[in-house]
N, C-alpha and C. Protein backbone atom coordinates (compact mmCIF):
# COMPACT_ATOMS: atom_id res chain seq x y z
N UNK A 1 203.64 213.15 -37.62
CA UNK A 1 204.70 212.38 -36.97
C UNK A 1 204.19 211.90 -35.62
N UNK A 2 204.33 210.60 -35.36
CA UNK A 2 203.84 210.07 -34.09
C UNK A 2 204.82 210.37 -32.95
N UNK A 3 204.39 210.09 -31.73
CA UNK A 3 205.20 210.46 -30.56
C UNK A 3 206.52 209.69 -30.52
N UNK A 4 206.55 208.44 -31.01
CA UNK A 4 207.79 207.69 -30.99
C UNK A 4 208.79 208.29 -31.97
N UNK A 5 208.31 208.72 -33.13
CA UNK A 5 209.19 209.35 -34.12
C UNK A 5 209.77 210.64 -33.56
N UNK A 6 208.96 211.43 -32.89
CA UNK A 6 209.46 212.68 -32.30
C UNK A 6 210.51 212.40 -31.24
N UNK A 7 210.30 211.33 -30.47
CA UNK A 7 211.24 210.98 -29.39
C UNK A 7 212.59 210.55 -29.95
N UNK A 8 212.61 209.94 -31.13
CA UNK A 8 213.83 209.40 -31.71
C UNK A 8 214.48 210.33 -32.74
N UNK A 9 213.78 211.34 -33.17
CA UNK A 9 214.27 212.22 -34.23
C UNK A 9 215.62 212.84 -33.87
N UNK A 10 216.57 212.75 -34.82
CA UNK A 10 217.87 213.36 -34.66
C UNK A 10 218.87 212.54 -33.86
N UNK A 11 218.47 211.37 -33.39
CA UNK A 11 219.36 210.54 -32.59
C UNK A 11 219.97 209.43 -33.46
N UNK A 12 221.09 208.90 -33.01
CA UNK A 12 221.78 207.83 -33.73
C UNK A 12 221.68 206.55 -32.91
N UNK A 13 221.30 205.45 -33.56
CA UNK A 13 221.14 204.17 -32.89
C UNK A 13 221.88 203.09 -33.66
N UNK A 14 222.19 202.01 -32.98
CA UNK A 14 222.81 200.84 -33.60
C UNK A 14 221.71 199.84 -33.94
N UNK A 15 221.81 199.23 -35.12
CA UNK A 15 220.86 198.20 -35.50
C UNK A 15 221.13 196.96 -34.66
N UNK A 16 220.11 196.45 -34.01
CA UNK A 16 220.22 195.24 -33.20
C UNK A 16 220.06 194.01 -34.09
N UNK A 17 219.02 194.00 -34.92
CA UNK A 17 218.83 192.92 -35.88
C UNK A 17 217.76 193.33 -36.89
N UNK A 18 217.69 192.60 -37.99
CA UNK A 18 216.65 192.76 -38.99
C UNK A 18 215.85 191.47 -39.00
N UNK A 19 214.53 191.58 -38.79
CA UNK A 19 213.72 190.37 -38.70
C UNK A 19 213.32 189.85 -40.08
N UNK A 20 212.60 188.73 -40.09
CA UNK A 20 212.22 188.09 -41.35
C UNK A 20 211.27 188.94 -42.19
N UNK A 21 210.58 189.88 -41.56
CA UNK A 21 209.68 190.79 -42.28
C UNK A 21 210.45 191.99 -42.84
N UNK A 22 211.76 192.09 -42.54
CA UNK A 22 212.57 193.19 -43.02
C UNK A 22 212.57 194.42 -42.13
N UNK A 23 211.92 194.32 -40.97
CA UNK A 23 211.90 195.44 -40.03
C UNK A 23 213.26 195.56 -39.36
N UNK A 24 213.71 196.79 -39.18
CA UNK A 24 215.03 197.07 -38.61
C UNK A 24 214.84 197.42 -37.13
N UNK A 25 215.29 196.53 -36.26
CA UNK A 25 215.13 196.72 -34.82
C UNK A 25 216.35 197.46 -34.27
N UNK A 26 216.09 198.48 -33.47
CA UNK A 26 217.15 199.33 -32.93
C UNK A 26 217.48 198.94 -31.51
N UNK A 27 218.78 198.96 -31.18
CA UNK A 27 219.21 198.65 -29.81
C UNK A 27 218.67 199.70 -28.85
N UNK A 28 218.32 199.26 -27.66
CA UNK A 28 217.94 200.12 -26.53
C UNK A 28 216.66 200.92 -26.74
N UNK A 29 215.83 200.57 -27.74
CA UNK A 29 214.62 201.36 -27.97
C UNK A 29 213.34 200.56 -27.92
N UNK A 30 213.38 199.28 -28.29
CA UNK A 30 212.16 198.51 -28.43
C UNK A 30 211.38 198.91 -29.67
N UNK A 31 212.04 199.64 -30.57
CA UNK A 31 211.40 200.16 -31.77
C UNK A 31 211.95 199.44 -33.00
N UNK A 32 211.07 199.21 -33.98
CA UNK A 32 211.50 198.67 -35.26
C UNK A 32 211.13 199.65 -36.36
N UNK A 33 212.06 199.92 -37.25
CA UNK A 33 211.80 200.77 -38.41
C UNK A 33 211.27 199.90 -39.54
N UNK A 34 210.31 200.42 -40.28
CA UNK A 34 209.73 199.68 -41.39
C UNK A 34 210.17 200.35 -42.69
N UNK A 35 211.06 199.69 -43.46
CA UNK A 35 211.50 200.27 -44.72
C UNK A 35 210.31 200.56 -45.64
N UNK A 36 210.35 201.72 -46.27
CA UNK A 36 209.26 202.14 -47.15
C UNK A 36 208.15 202.88 -46.43
N UNK A 37 208.14 202.82 -45.10
CA UNK A 37 207.13 203.52 -44.30
C UNK A 37 207.81 204.58 -43.44
N UNK A 38 208.82 204.17 -42.69
CA UNK A 38 209.54 205.08 -41.80
C UNK A 38 210.69 205.75 -42.54
N UNK A 39 211.00 206.97 -42.12
CA UNK A 39 212.14 207.70 -42.68
C UNK A 39 213.33 207.51 -41.76
N UNK A 40 214.48 207.17 -42.36
CA UNK A 40 215.70 207.01 -41.57
C UNK A 40 216.89 207.19 -42.51
N UNK A 41 218.04 207.41 -41.91
CA UNK A 41 219.27 207.60 -42.66
C UNK A 41 220.33 206.65 -42.10
N UNK A 42 221.00 205.94 -42.97
CA UNK A 42 222.08 205.04 -42.55
C UNK A 42 223.37 205.83 -42.42
N UNK A 43 224.06 205.66 -41.32
CA UNK A 43 225.33 206.32 -41.05
C UNK A 43 226.37 205.24 -40.86
N UNK A 44 227.44 205.30 -41.62
CA UNK A 44 228.50 204.28 -41.51
C UNK A 44 229.63 204.76 -40.66
């Protein structure tokens, strides 16, 4: 697990936008999740 994943683990974020490559950008982080590579859970 990289340092960014450790920093974000267990926290809840709002999706800011999904780009044309399908990456999920999170508000207030400057981080994008890559479906199929990164592990994440959707909370409604």
